[in-house]
Each structure stands twice: as structure tokens, then as C-alpha cells.
Amino acid sequence: MANKSSIAKIFPQLEKGQLDQLVKYSELLNEWNAKINLISRKDIQNVVVNHIVPSLAISTVGNFTKGEEILDIGTGGGLPGIPLAIVCRETSFTLMDSVGKKIMAVNDMVKKLNLQNVKTVNIRAEDFFDKFDKIVGRAVTNLTDFLKYSKKLLKPKGKIFYLKGGDYINDLRLLQVWNSYNVAEITGIRELEDKVILEIF
């Protein structure tokens, strides 16, 4: 399970209250994961390295600011949306998933964490029509589908931040149709050496 020191070592800028919330979130995620499948059962003992740290890494690239509205598509167990909402308190997050029982679990965790900057929607991305400043995701589906859903949900000049592990060369070919993109390598975090954040706009 998560402990404050392991997270603080990687993200020393976080406040004690944020670290406490992240630890509580990992505990709630474990409790819910025993009831419904939110993340791989074999991953739950490595929730910090495999889930919380990658989610927080998006905040180092995304530059989420006060008043912005962020959409997390395919949030599952609240990833990356809940960790991001904990560390970006003045930014509004909408966590979307098409599976009702996952949103039920996320709603419970959001309530117990007292996150005032989070709301949830139980809907498929293709049936949703609100607009957002930024969209985040973690390989919830293939990139082609993710971009198709995301494009219509972005405000003008909006950006997408997509966390990707492993080989991403083929993904770059898909991005040729977009105006611009950037591959942000996650430097200084040993646990994320095999991952990048695709910034698409």
C-alpha cells in the first residue's frame, strides 16, 4: 500500500495534506478493488508506482491552472483524475466512465476524500457533448478511438495529455492529422522511464 514517504520522495513539492489524501485514496482504491475490478488485482500492491505516480506525472506536464475544466475519459477507479484533483485543487475535474459500478465506486471515494473540485458522469464518450480545456487519459483504449472521442469534447485551443507506456512510434503516425503534438519524456522519475506523455493540440 501507499505511504507518504514513497510519494513525497518522487514529488517533494506536495503538501502534507495532499500526501495524506493520496494515501487515503490508495486505501479506498484497495477496498473497492476487492469488491469490483477497478485495476488489476496483481497491481494493487504496487498502486503507487503503477497508478498514482503515473497519474501525478501528468500534472508536471499539463500545467493545470485555476478555473480550467479537465475531463478524464475512462477514469475506471479514478485514474488519473483523482490524484490530479488532489494536487490541483483550483482546477475542476470531470471523471467519465461508461461502467456504472465504476462510477459508483469513484463517487464514494470522491465523497470520502472530500474533493470539492470533482464531478462524475456515467456515460460513453461518444454520447457526451460538453467542452473542456484539457483532456487526460491513460491508455484506456487504442489511441485512434481516444482521439476520435476527445476531439469533439475539446474547447478551441484545448489540449490532450495521454500517458503511454512502451513503444509509441505507431502512435506518432496517427498524430500526423493533428495540428501539433509533443512527446514529453518523464525525466527524473526512475519508476516512469518506460512511459511518455503525448501532448496533443
N, C-alpha and C. Protein backbone atom coordinates (compact mmCIF):
# COMPACT_ATOMS: atom_id res chain seq x y z
N MET A 1 0.83 -1.20 0.00
CA MET A 1 0.00 0.00 0.00
C MET A 1 0.86 1.25 0.00
N ALA A 2 0.23 2.35 -0.32
CA ALA A 2 0.96 3.60 -0.42
C ALA A 2 1.40 4.10 0.95
N ASN A 3 2.51 4.79 0.99
CA ASN A 3 2.89 5.52 2.19
C ASN A 3 3.40 6.88 1.76
N LYS A 4 3.30 7.83 2.68
CA LYS A 4 3.61 9.22 2.34
C LYS A 4 5.04 9.40 1.87
N SER A 5 5.96 8.69 2.51
CA SER A 5 7.37 8.90 2.19
C SER A 5 7.70 8.48 0.76
N SER A 6 7.07 7.40 0.29
CA SER A 6 7.36 6.93 -1.06
C SER A 6 6.86 7.91 -2.12
N ILE A 7 5.73 8.55 -1.85
CA ILE A 7 5.21 9.55 -2.79
C ILE A 7 5.99 10.85 -2.67
N ALA A 8 6.28 11.27 -1.44
CA ALA A 8 6.99 12.53 -1.21
C ALA A 8 8.40 12.49 -1.79
N LYS A 9 8.98 11.33 -1.82
CA LYS A 9 10.34 11.21 -2.37
C LYS A 9 10.35 11.57 -3.86
N ILE A 10 9.29 11.19 -4.56
CA ILE A 10 9.20 11.45 -6.00
C ILE A 10 8.64 12.83 -6.29
N PHE A 11 7.70 13.29 -5.44
CA PHE A 11 7.07 14.60 -5.64
C PHE A 11 7.24 15.43 -4.34
N PRO A 12 8.44 15.93 -4.10
CA PRO A 12 8.71 16.64 -2.84
C PRO A 12 7.94 17.94 -2.67
N GLN A 13 7.35 18.45 -3.75
CA GLN A 13 6.61 19.72 -3.69
C GLN A 13 5.23 19.57 -3.06
N LEU A 14 4.76 18.34 -2.87
CA LEU A 14 3.41 18.13 -2.35
C LEU A 14 3.32 18.46 -0.87
N GLU A 15 2.17 19.00 -0.48
CA GLU A 15 1.92 19.33 0.92
C GLU A 15 1.50 18.09 1.69
N LYS A 16 1.62 18.17 3.01
CA LYS A 16 1.27 17.04 3.87
C LYS A 16 -0.18 16.62 3.66
N GLY A 17 -1.09 17.60 3.56
CA GLY A 17 -2.50 17.27 3.37
C GLY A 17 -2.74 16.52 2.07
N GLN A 18 -2.03 16.90 1.02
CA GLN A 18 -2.15 16.21 -0.26
C GLN A 18 -1.61 14.79 -0.17
N LEU A 19 -0.49 14.63 0.51
CA LEU A 19 0.08 13.28 0.69
C LEU A 19 -0.87 12.40 1.49
N ASP A 20 -1.48 12.98 2.53
CA ASP A 20 -2.45 12.22 3.34
C ASP A 20 -3.63 11.76 2.48
N GLN A 21 -4.12 12.65 1.62
CA GLN A 21 -5.24 12.30 0.75
C GLN A 21 -4.85 11.21 -0.25
N LEU A 22 -3.65 11.29 -0.79
CA LEU A 22 -3.20 10.28 -1.75
C LEU A 22 -3.09 8.91 -1.10
N VAL A 23 -2.61 8.87 0.14
CA VAL A 23 -2.54 7.61 0.87
C VAL A 23 -3.94 7.07 1.14
N LYS A 24 -4.84 7.96 1.57
CA LYS A 24 -6.23 7.54 1.83
C LYS A 24 -6.87 7.03 0.54
N TYR A 25 -6.59 7.72 -0.57
CA TYR A 25 -7.14 7.27 -1.85
C TYR A 25 -6.66 5.86 -2.18
N SER A 26 -5.39 5.58 -1.97
CA SER A 26 -4.88 4.24 -2.27
C SER A 26 -5.57 3.19 -1.41
N GLU A 27 -5.88 3.55 -0.17
CA GLU A 27 -6.59 2.62 0.72
C GLU A 27 -8.02 2.39 0.24
N LEU A 28 -8.69 3.46 -0.16
CA LEU A 28 -10.06 3.33 -0.67
C LEU A 28 -10.08 2.53 -1.97
N LEU A 29 -9.09 2.77 -2.82
CA LEU A 29 -9.00 2.03 -4.08
C LEU A 29 -8.83 0.54 -3.81
N ASN A 30 -8.03 0.22 -2.82
CA ASN A 30 -7.83 -1.19 -2.45
C ASN A 30 -9.13 -1.81 -1.93
N GLU A 31 -9.84 -1.07 -1.10
CA GLU A 31 -11.10 -1.58 -0.56
C GLU A 31 -12.11 -1.85 -1.67
N TRP A 32 -12.25 -0.89 -2.58
CA TRP A 32 -13.20 -1.06 -3.66
C TRP A 32 -12.75 -2.13 -4.65
N ASN A 33 -11.47 -2.25 -4.84
CA ASN A 33 -10.96 -3.22 -5.80
C ASN A 33 -11.23 -4.66 -5.35
N ALA A 34 -11.41 -4.83 -4.06
CA ALA A 34 -11.75 -6.15 -3.53
C ALA A 34 -13.20 -6.51 -3.85
N LYS A 35 -14.01 -5.49 -4.18
CA LYS A 35 -15.43 -5.71 -4.48
C LYS A 35 -15.68 -5.77 -5.98
N ILE A 36 -15.08 -4.84 -6.71
CA ILE A 36 -15.24 -4.80 -8.16
C ILE A 36 -13.88 -4.56 -8.81
N ASN A 37 -13.74 -4.98 -10.03
CA ASN A 37 -12.44 -4.90 -10.69
C ASN A 37 -12.20 -3.50 -11.27
N LEU A 38 -11.43 -2.70 -10.52
CA LEU A 38 -11.09 -1.35 -10.97
C LEU A 38 -9.71 -1.32 -11.61
N ILE A 39 -8.77 -2.02 -10.99
CA ILE A 39 -7.44 -2.19 -11.56
C ILE A 39 -7.05 -3.65 -11.37
N SER A 40 -6.00 -4.06 -12.05
CA SER A 40 -5.56 -5.45 -11.95
C SER A 40 -5.26 -5.81 -10.49
N ARG A 41 -5.76 -6.95 -10.05
CA ARG A 41 -5.53 -7.38 -8.66
C ARG A 41 -4.04 -7.53 -8.36
N LYS A 42 -3.27 -7.92 -9.34
CA LYS A 42 -1.83 -8.11 -9.10
C LYS A 42 -1.12 -6.75 -8.98
N ASP A 43 -1.79 -5.68 -9.41
CA ASP A 43 -1.19 -4.35 -9.34
C ASP A 43 -1.44 -3.64 -8.02
N ILE A 44 -2.39 -4.11 -7.24
CA ILE A 44 -2.84 -3.34 -6.08
C ILE A 44 -1.72 -3.15 -5.06
N GLN A 45 -0.79 -4.08 -4.96
CA GLN A 45 0.32 -3.90 -4.03
C GLN A 45 1.35 -2.90 -4.55
N ASN A 46 1.26 -2.56 -5.81
CA ASN A 46 2.16 -1.59 -6.41
C ASN A 46 1.40 -0.36 -6.90
N VAL A 47 0.39 0.01 -6.14
CA VAL A 47 -0.52 1.07 -6.59
C VAL A 47 0.19 2.41 -6.75
N VAL A 48 1.21 2.67 -5.92
CA VAL A 48 1.93 3.93 -6.04
C VAL A 48 2.69 4.00 -7.36
N VAL A 49 3.53 3.01 -7.62
CA VAL A 49 4.39 3.02 -8.81
C VAL A 49 3.58 2.89 -10.09
N ASN A 50 2.59 1.99 -10.08
CA ASN A 50 1.88 1.68 -11.32
C ASN A 50 0.69 2.58 -11.61
N HIS A 51 0.20 3.29 -10.61
CA HIS A 51 -1.02 4.07 -10.82
C HIS A 51 -0.96 5.51 -10.31
N ILE A 52 -0.59 5.70 -9.05
CA ILE A 52 -0.60 7.06 -8.50
C ILE A 52 0.52 7.91 -9.10
N VAL A 53 1.74 7.38 -9.12
CA VAL A 53 2.86 8.15 -9.68
C VAL A 53 2.65 8.50 -11.16
N PRO A 54 2.25 7.55 -12.01
CA PRO A 54 1.97 7.92 -13.41
C PRO A 54 0.89 8.99 -13.54
N SER A 55 -0.13 8.92 -12.71
CA SER A 55 -1.19 9.93 -12.76
C SER A 55 -0.65 11.31 -12.38
N LEU A 56 0.14 11.36 -11.31
CA LEU A 56 0.70 12.63 -10.87
C LEU A 56 1.68 13.20 -11.89
N ALA A 57 2.34 12.32 -12.63
CA ALA A 57 3.30 12.79 -13.63
C ALA A 57 2.63 13.67 -14.68
N ILE A 58 1.36 13.40 -14.96
CA ILE A 58 0.64 14.22 -15.94
C ILE A 58 0.58 15.67 -15.49
N SER A 59 0.50 15.89 -14.17
CA SER A 59 0.43 17.27 -13.66
C SER A 59 1.73 18.03 -13.90
N THR A 60 2.84 17.33 -14.03
CA THR A 60 4.12 18.01 -14.26
C THR A 60 4.23 18.53 -15.69
N VAL A 61 3.40 18.01 -16.58
CA VAL A 61 3.40 18.44 -17.99
C VAL A 61 2.17 19.27 -18.31
N GLY A 62 1.04 18.94 -17.70
CA GLY A 62 -0.24 19.53 -18.07
C GLY A 62 -0.44 20.97 -17.70
N ASN A 63 0.29 21.46 -16.68
CA ASN A 63 0.16 22.86 -16.25
C ASN A 63 -1.30 23.25 -16.04
N PHE A 64 -1.99 22.46 -15.22
CA PHE A 64 -3.40 22.72 -14.94
C PHE A 64 -3.52 23.95 -14.04
N THR A 65 -4.33 24.91 -14.45
CA THR A 65 -4.41 26.18 -13.74
C THR A 65 -5.81 26.44 -13.19
N LYS A 66 -5.90 27.46 -12.36
CA LYS A 66 -7.15 27.81 -11.69
C LYS A 66 -8.25 28.09 -12.71
N GLY A 67 -9.39 27.46 -12.50
CA GLY A 67 -10.55 27.71 -13.35
C GLY A 67 -10.65 26.83 -14.57
N GLU A 68 -9.59 26.09 -14.91
CA GLU A 68 -9.67 25.21 -16.07
C GLU A 68 -10.58 24.02 -15.78
N GLU A 69 -11.18 23.50 -16.84
CA GLU A 69 -12.04 22.32 -16.74
C GLU A 69 -11.37 21.17 -17.47
N ILE A 70 -11.15 20.08 -16.72
CA ILE A 70 -10.40 18.93 -17.24
C ILE A 70 -11.32 17.71 -17.27
N LEU A 71 -11.24 16.95 -18.34
CA LEU A 71 -12.02 15.72 -18.48
C LEU A 71 -11.09 14.51 -18.44
N ASP A 72 -11.42 13.55 -17.60
CA ASP A 72 -10.71 12.27 -17.53
C ASP A 72 -11.60 11.22 -18.19
N ILE A 73 -11.22 10.80 -19.39
CA ILE A 73 -12.01 9.82 -20.14
C ILE A 73 -11.61 8.41 -19.74
N GLY A 74 -12.61 7.58 -19.39
CA GLY A 74 -12.34 6.20 -18.99
C GLY A 74 -11.63 6.14 -17.65
N THR A 75 -12.16 6.85 -16.67
CA THR A 75 -11.48 7.01 -15.39
C THR A 75 -11.31 5.71 -14.61
N GLY A 76 -12.19 4.73 -14.84
CA GLY A 76 -12.06 3.45 -14.12
C GLY A 76 -12.20 3.64 -12.63
N GLY A 77 -11.09 3.47 -11.90
CA GLY A 77 -11.10 3.66 -10.45
C GLY A 77 -10.70 5.05 -10.02
N GLY A 78 -10.83 6.02 -10.94
CA GLY A 78 -10.49 7.39 -10.61
C GLY A 78 -9.11 7.81 -11.05
N LEU A 79 -8.59 7.13 -12.06
CA LEU A 79 -7.22 7.39 -12.53
C LEU A 79 -7.23 7.87 -13.97
N PRO A 80 -6.54 8.96 -14.24
CA PRO A 80 -5.68 9.75 -13.35
C PRO A 80 -6.39 10.88 -12.61
N GLY A 81 -7.72 10.98 -12.76
CA GLY A 81 -8.45 12.14 -12.29
C GLY A 81 -8.35 12.44 -10.81
N ILE A 82 -8.50 11.43 -9.95
CA ILE A 82 -8.49 11.70 -8.51
C ILE A 82 -7.13 12.18 -8.03
N PRO A 83 -6.03 11.50 -8.35
CA PRO A 83 -4.73 12.05 -7.93
C PRO A 83 -4.49 13.47 -8.45
N LEU A 84 -4.88 13.73 -9.69
CA LEU A 84 -4.70 15.08 -10.25
C LEU A 84 -5.55 16.10 -9.49
N ALA A 85 -6.77 15.74 -9.15
CA ALA A 85 -7.65 16.65 -8.41
C ALA A 85 -7.10 16.95 -7.02
N ILE A 86 -6.43 15.98 -6.43
CA ILE A 86 -5.84 16.18 -5.10
C ILE A 86 -4.72 17.21 -5.15
N VAL A 87 -3.91 17.17 -6.19
CA VAL A 87 -2.75 18.07 -6.25
C VAL A 87 -3.04 19.37 -7.01
N CYS A 88 -4.15 19.43 -7.72
CA CYS A 88 -4.53 20.64 -8.47
C CYS A 88 -5.89 21.10 -7.95
N ARG A 89 -5.91 21.67 -6.78
CA ARG A 89 -7.16 21.93 -6.06
C ARG A 89 -8.03 23.00 -6.72
N GLU A 90 -7.42 23.91 -7.47
CA GLU A 90 -8.18 25.02 -8.05
C GLU A 90 -8.62 24.73 -9.48
N THR A 91 -8.39 23.50 -9.92
CA THR A 91 -8.82 23.06 -11.24
C THR A 91 -10.02 22.14 -11.10
N SER A 92 -10.98 22.23 -12.01
CA SER A 92 -12.18 21.39 -11.96
C SER A 92 -12.00 20.14 -12.82
N PHE A 93 -12.34 19.00 -12.26
CA PHE A 93 -12.19 17.73 -12.96
C PHE A 93 -13.53 17.03 -13.11
N THR A 94 -13.78 16.53 -14.33
CA THR A 94 -14.93 15.66 -14.60
C THR A 94 -14.39 14.29 -14.92
N LEU A 95 -14.82 13.29 -14.16
CA LEU A 95 -14.36 11.91 -14.33
C LEU A 95 -15.46 11.11 -15.02
N MET A 96 -15.14 10.59 -16.20
CA MET A 96 -16.12 9.90 -17.03
C MET A 96 -15.82 8.42 -17.14
N ASP A 97 -16.86 7.61 -17.04
CA ASP A 97 -16.74 6.19 -17.36
C ASP A 97 -18.12 5.66 -17.76
N SER A 98 -18.12 4.71 -18.68
CA SER A 98 -19.39 4.16 -19.16
C SER A 98 -19.91 3.05 -18.27
N VAL A 99 -19.10 2.57 -17.33
CA VAL A 99 -19.48 1.47 -16.46
C VAL A 99 -20.02 2.03 -15.14
N GLY A 100 -21.29 1.79 -14.89
CA GLY A 100 -21.95 2.38 -13.74
C GLY A 100 -21.34 2.01 -12.40
N LYS A 101 -20.94 0.76 -12.23
CA LYS A 101 -20.40 0.35 -10.92
C LYS A 101 -19.04 1.00 -10.65
N LYS A 102 -18.31 1.33 -11.71
CA LYS A 102 -17.04 2.04 -11.50
C LYS A 102 -17.30 3.47 -11.06
N ILE A 103 -18.27 4.12 -11.66
CA ILE A 103 -18.62 5.48 -11.25
C ILE A 103 -19.18 5.47 -9.83
N MET A 104 -19.91 4.44 -9.45
CA MET A 104 -20.40 4.32 -8.09
C MET A 104 -19.23 4.29 -7.10
N ALA A 105 -18.19 3.52 -7.42
CA ALA A 105 -17.01 3.43 -6.57
C ALA A 105 -16.28 4.78 -6.52
N VAL A 106 -16.14 5.42 -7.67
CA VAL A 106 -15.45 6.71 -7.73
C VAL A 106 -16.22 7.75 -6.92
N ASN A 107 -17.54 7.76 -7.03
CA ASN A 107 -18.35 8.70 -6.26
C ASN A 107 -18.11 8.53 -4.76
N ASP A 108 -18.04 7.29 -4.32
CA ASP A 108 -17.80 7.02 -2.90
C ASP A 108 -16.42 7.53 -2.48
N MET A 109 -15.41 7.29 -3.30
CA MET A 109 -14.07 7.73 -2.96
C MET A 109 -13.96 9.25 -2.96
N VAL A 110 -14.58 9.89 -3.93
CA VAL A 110 -14.57 11.35 -4.00
C VAL A 110 -15.22 11.95 -2.76
N LYS A 111 -16.34 11.35 -2.32
CA LYS A 111 -17.04 11.84 -1.13
C LYS A 111 -16.18 11.67 0.11
N LYS A 112 -15.56 10.51 0.27
CA LYS A 112 -14.75 10.25 1.46
C LYS A 112 -13.46 11.07 1.48
N LEU A 113 -12.99 11.45 0.30
CA LEU A 113 -11.80 12.31 0.21
C LEU A 113 -12.15 13.79 0.28
N ASN A 114 -13.45 14.09 0.27
CA ASN A 114 -13.96 15.46 0.34
C ASN A 114 -13.37 16.32 -0.78
N LEU A 115 -13.40 15.79 -1.98
CA LEU A 115 -12.88 16.51 -3.14
C LEU A 115 -13.98 17.38 -3.73
N GLN A 116 -13.87 18.67 -3.50
CA GLN A 116 -14.90 19.62 -3.95
C GLN A 116 -14.75 19.99 -5.43
N ASN A 117 -13.63 19.64 -6.02
CA ASN A 117 -13.36 20.03 -7.42
C ASN A 117 -13.56 18.88 -8.40
N VAL A 118 -14.35 17.88 -8.00
CA VAL A 118 -14.56 16.69 -8.84
C VAL A 118 -16.05 16.43 -9.01
N LYS A 119 -16.45 16.16 -10.25
CA LYS A 119 -17.78 15.60 -10.50
C LYS A 119 -17.61 14.41 -11.44
N THR A 120 -18.61 13.56 -11.51
CA THR A 120 -18.52 12.35 -12.33
C THR A 120 -19.68 12.28 -13.30
N VAL A 121 -19.46 11.56 -14.40
CA VAL A 121 -20.53 11.29 -15.36
C VAL A 121 -20.44 9.84 -15.80
N ASN A 122 -21.58 9.18 -15.76
CA ASN A 122 -21.67 7.78 -16.20
C ASN A 122 -22.24 7.78 -17.62
N ILE A 123 -21.33 7.84 -18.60
CA ILE A 123 -21.74 7.96 -19.99
C ILE A 123 -20.59 7.53 -20.88
N ARG A 124 -20.90 7.14 -22.10
CA ARG A 124 -19.85 6.86 -23.08
C ARG A 124 -19.37 8.17 -23.68
N ALA A 125 -18.09 8.23 -23.99
CA ALA A 125 -17.52 9.48 -24.53
C ALA A 125 -18.22 9.92 -25.80
N GLU A 126 -18.61 8.95 -26.64
CA GLU A 126 -19.25 9.32 -27.90
C GLU A 126 -20.65 9.90 -27.71
N ASP A 127 -21.23 9.74 -26.50
CA ASP A 127 -22.55 10.28 -26.23
C ASP A 127 -22.51 11.55 -25.39
N PHE A 128 -21.31 12.07 -25.15
CA PHE A 128 -21.11 13.24 -24.29
C PHE A 128 -20.77 14.43 -25.17
N PHE A 129 -21.23 15.63 -24.79
CA PHE A 129 -21.05 16.77 -25.69
C PHE A 129 -20.56 18.04 -24.99
N ASP A 130 -20.18 17.96 -23.72
CA ASP A 130 -19.63 19.14 -23.05
C ASP A 130 -18.23 19.43 -23.61
N LYS A 131 -17.73 20.63 -23.35
CA LYS A 131 -16.42 21.04 -23.85
C LYS A 131 -15.47 21.30 -22.69
N PHE A 132 -14.19 20.95 -22.89
CA PHE A 132 -13.21 21.05 -21.83
C PHE A 132 -11.92 21.70 -22.32
N ASP A 133 -11.21 22.32 -21.36
CA ASP A 133 -9.93 22.95 -21.69
C ASP A 133 -8.85 21.90 -21.97
N LYS A 134 -8.90 20.82 -21.21
CA LYS A 134 -7.90 19.76 -21.37
C LYS A 134 -8.55 18.41 -21.11
N ILE A 135 -8.01 17.38 -21.75
CA ILE A 135 -8.49 16.02 -21.57
C ILE A 135 -7.31 15.14 -21.22
N VAL A 136 -7.51 14.24 -20.25
CA VAL A 136 -6.44 13.34 -19.82
C VAL A 136 -6.89 11.89 -19.97
N GLY A 137 -5.92 11.01 -20.16
CA GLY A 137 -6.21 9.58 -20.25
C GLY A 137 -4.95 8.75 -20.09
N ARG A 138 -5.16 7.46 -19.78
CA ARG A 138 -4.04 6.55 -19.55
C ARG A 138 -4.25 5.27 -20.34
N ALA A 139 -4.07 5.31 -21.62
CA ALA A 139 -4.18 4.10 -22.44
C ALA A 139 -5.45 3.32 -22.14
N VAL A 140 -6.57 4.03 -22.02
CA VAL A 140 -7.84 3.38 -21.71
C VAL A 140 -8.40 2.62 -22.91
N THR A 141 -7.97 3.02 -24.09
CA THR A 141 -8.39 2.35 -25.30
C THR A 141 -7.29 2.60 -26.33
N ASN A 142 -7.46 2.16 -27.54
CA ASN A 142 -6.43 2.49 -28.52
C ASN A 142 -6.49 3.98 -28.82
N LEU A 143 -5.35 4.53 -29.20
CA LEU A 143 -5.24 5.98 -29.35
C LEU A 143 -6.17 6.52 -30.43
N THR A 144 -6.41 5.76 -31.47
CA THR A 144 -7.30 6.21 -32.55
C THR A 144 -8.69 6.53 -32.00
N ASP A 145 -9.25 5.60 -31.22
CA ASP A 145 -10.58 5.83 -30.64
C ASP A 145 -10.55 6.97 -29.63
N PHE A 146 -9.50 6.99 -28.81
CA PHE A 146 -9.41 8.04 -27.79
C PHE A 146 -9.42 9.43 -28.41
N LEU A 147 -8.66 9.59 -29.48
CA LEU A 147 -8.60 10.89 -30.14
C LEU A 147 -9.91 11.24 -30.83
N LYS A 148 -10.56 10.23 -31.38
CA LYS A 148 -11.86 10.47 -32.04
C LYS A 148 -12.88 10.99 -31.03
N TYR A 149 -12.90 10.37 -29.85
CA TYR A 149 -13.84 10.82 -28.83
C TYR A 149 -13.45 12.19 -28.29
N SER A 150 -12.14 12.39 -28.13
CA SER A 150 -11.66 13.61 -27.47
C SER A 150 -11.85 14.85 -28.31
N LYS A 151 -11.69 14.72 -29.62
CA LYS A 151 -11.65 15.90 -30.48
C LYS A 151 -12.91 16.75 -30.34
N LYS A 152 -14.06 16.11 -30.26
CA LYS A 152 -15.31 16.87 -30.20
C LYS A 152 -15.58 17.44 -28.81
N LEU A 153 -14.79 17.02 -27.82
CA LEU A 153 -15.00 17.46 -26.44
C LEU A 153 -14.03 18.55 -26.02
N LEU A 154 -13.13 18.93 -26.91
CA LEU A 154 -12.14 19.96 -26.60
C LEU A 154 -12.65 21.35 -26.97
N LYS A 155 -12.39 22.31 -26.11
CA LYS A 155 -12.61 23.70 -26.46
C LYS A 155 -11.56 24.13 -27.49
N PRO A 156 -11.80 25.22 -28.20
CA PRO A 156 -10.76 25.75 -29.09
C PRO A 156 -9.46 25.97 -28.33
N LYS A 157 -8.36 25.56 -28.93
CA LYS A 157 -7.03 25.65 -28.31
C LYS A 157 -6.88 24.71 -27.12
N GLY A 158 -7.78 23.73 -27.01
CA GLY A 158 -7.65 22.75 -25.94
C GLY A 158 -6.51 21.77 -26.20
N LYS A 159 -6.15 21.00 -25.16
CA LYS A 159 -5.04 20.05 -25.26
C LYS A 159 -5.43 18.71 -24.66
N ILE A 160 -4.78 17.67 -25.17
CA ILE A 160 -4.96 16.31 -24.66
C ILE A 160 -3.62 15.84 -24.08
N PHE A 161 -3.68 15.18 -22.94
CA PHE A 161 -2.49 14.59 -22.32
C PHE A 161 -2.75 13.10 -22.12
N TYR A 162 -2.01 12.30 -22.86
CA TYR A 162 -2.26 10.86 -22.91
C TYR A 162 -1.00 10.11 -22.46
N LEU A 163 -1.10 9.42 -21.34
CA LEU A 163 0.04 8.68 -20.80
C LEU A 163 0.18 7.35 -21.52
N LYS A 164 1.37 7.10 -22.04
CA LYS A 164 1.59 5.91 -22.86
C LYS A 164 2.87 5.21 -22.43
N GLY A 165 2.80 3.91 -22.26
CA GLY A 165 3.97 3.11 -21.96
C GLY A 165 4.41 2.32 -23.17
N GLY A 166 5.67 1.90 -23.16
CA GLY A 166 6.17 1.04 -24.22
C GLY A 166 6.39 1.78 -25.53
N ASP A 167 6.28 1.05 -26.63
CA ASP A 167 6.55 1.60 -27.96
C ASP A 167 5.41 2.53 -28.39
N TYR A 168 5.75 3.75 -28.76
CA TYR A 168 4.73 4.70 -29.19
C TYR A 168 4.96 5.21 -30.61
N ILE A 169 5.86 4.58 -31.35
CA ILE A 169 6.18 5.03 -32.70
C ILE A 169 4.96 5.00 -33.60
N ASN A 170 4.19 3.90 -33.54
CA ASN A 170 2.99 3.81 -34.38
C ASN A 170 1.97 4.89 -34.00
N ASP A 171 1.93 5.23 -32.72
CA ASP A 171 1.01 6.27 -32.28
C ASP A 171 1.35 7.61 -32.91
N LEU A 172 2.63 7.88 -33.10
CA LEU A 172 3.03 9.15 -33.69
C LEU A 172 2.51 9.30 -35.11
N ARG A 173 2.39 8.20 -35.81
CA ARG A 173 1.85 8.26 -37.17
C ARG A 173 0.39 8.72 -37.15
N LEU A 174 -0.34 8.31 -36.13
CA LEU A 174 -1.73 8.71 -36.01
C LEU A 174 -1.87 10.20 -35.76
N LEU A 175 -0.85 10.78 -35.16
CA LEU A 175 -0.93 12.18 -34.77
C LEU A 175 -0.63 13.15 -35.91
N GLN A 176 -0.27 12.62 -37.08
CA GLN A 176 0.05 13.49 -38.20
C GLN A 176 -1.15 14.34 -38.63
N VAL A 177 -2.36 13.87 -38.34
CA VAL A 177 -3.55 14.61 -38.75
C VAL A 177 -3.88 15.77 -37.80
N TRP A 178 -3.20 15.83 -36.65
CA TRP A 178 -3.45 16.89 -35.69
C TRP A 178 -2.55 18.08 -36.00
N ASN A 179 -2.94 19.23 -35.50
CA ASN A 179 -2.16 20.44 -35.76
C ASN A 179 -0.75 20.32 -35.21
N SER A 180 -0.65 19.84 -34.00
CA SER A 180 0.66 19.76 -33.38
C SER A 180 0.63 18.75 -32.24
N TYR A 181 1.80 18.23 -31.92
CA TYR A 181 1.91 17.33 -30.77
C TYR A 181 3.32 17.37 -30.24
N ASN A 182 3.45 16.91 -29.02
CA ASN A 182 4.75 16.88 -28.37
C ASN A 182 4.86 15.58 -27.58
N VAL A 183 6.03 14.98 -27.59
CA VAL A 183 6.29 13.79 -26.79
C VAL A 183 7.08 14.22 -25.57
N ALA A 184 6.44 14.21 -24.41
CA ALA A 184 7.09 14.64 -23.17
C ALA A 184 7.63 13.42 -22.43
N GLU A 185 8.93 13.28 -22.43
CA GLU A 185 9.53 12.21 -21.65
C GLU A 185 9.50 12.59 -20.17
N ILE A 186 9.28 11.62 -19.31
CA ILE A 186 9.15 11.88 -17.89
C ILE A 186 10.54 11.71 -17.27
N THR A 187 11.25 12.80 -17.16
CA THR A 187 12.63 12.75 -16.68
C THR A 187 12.68 12.88 -15.15
N GLY A 188 13.67 12.25 -14.58
CA GLY A 188 13.88 12.38 -13.14
C GLY A 188 13.03 11.46 -12.29
N ILE A 189 12.19 10.64 -12.92
CA ILE A 189 11.37 9.70 -12.16
C ILE A 189 11.70 8.30 -12.66
N ARG A 190 12.53 7.60 -11.92
CA ARG A 190 13.03 6.29 -12.36
C ARG A 190 11.89 5.33 -12.63
N GLU A 191 10.83 5.42 -11.85
CA GLU A 191 9.71 4.50 -11.98
C GLU A 191 8.96 4.65 -13.30
N LEU A 192 9.19 5.77 -14.00
CA LEU A 192 8.43 6.04 -15.22
C LEU A 192 9.32 6.13 -16.45
N GLU A 193 10.48 5.52 -16.40
CA GLU A 193 11.42 5.61 -17.51
C GLU A 193 10.87 5.01 -18.80
N ASP A 194 9.90 4.09 -18.69
CA ASP A 194 9.35 3.43 -19.88
C ASP A 194 8.08 4.11 -20.38
N LYS A 195 7.75 5.29 -19.85
CA LYS A 195 6.49 5.95 -20.22
C LYS A 195 6.75 7.36 -20.75
N VAL A 196 5.84 7.81 -21.60
CA VAL A 196 5.86 9.19 -22.09
C VAL A 196 4.46 9.76 -21.96
N ILE A 197 4.37 11.06 -22.05
CA ILE A 197 3.07 11.73 -22.10
C ILE A 197 2.95 12.38 -23.48
N LEU A 198 1.97 11.96 -24.23
CA LEU A 198 1.71 12.56 -25.54
C LEU A 198 0.83 13.79 -25.33
N GLU A 199 1.37 14.95 -25.66
CA GLU A 199 0.64 16.20 -25.56
C GLU A 199 0.15 16.55 -26.96
N ILE A 200 -1.16 16.60 -27.12
CA ILE A 200 -1.75 16.73 -28.44
C ILE A 200 -2.66 17.95 -28.47
N PHE A 201 -2.50 18.81 -29.50
CA PHE A 201 -3.30 20.03 -29.56
C PHE A 201 -3.44 20.52 -30.99
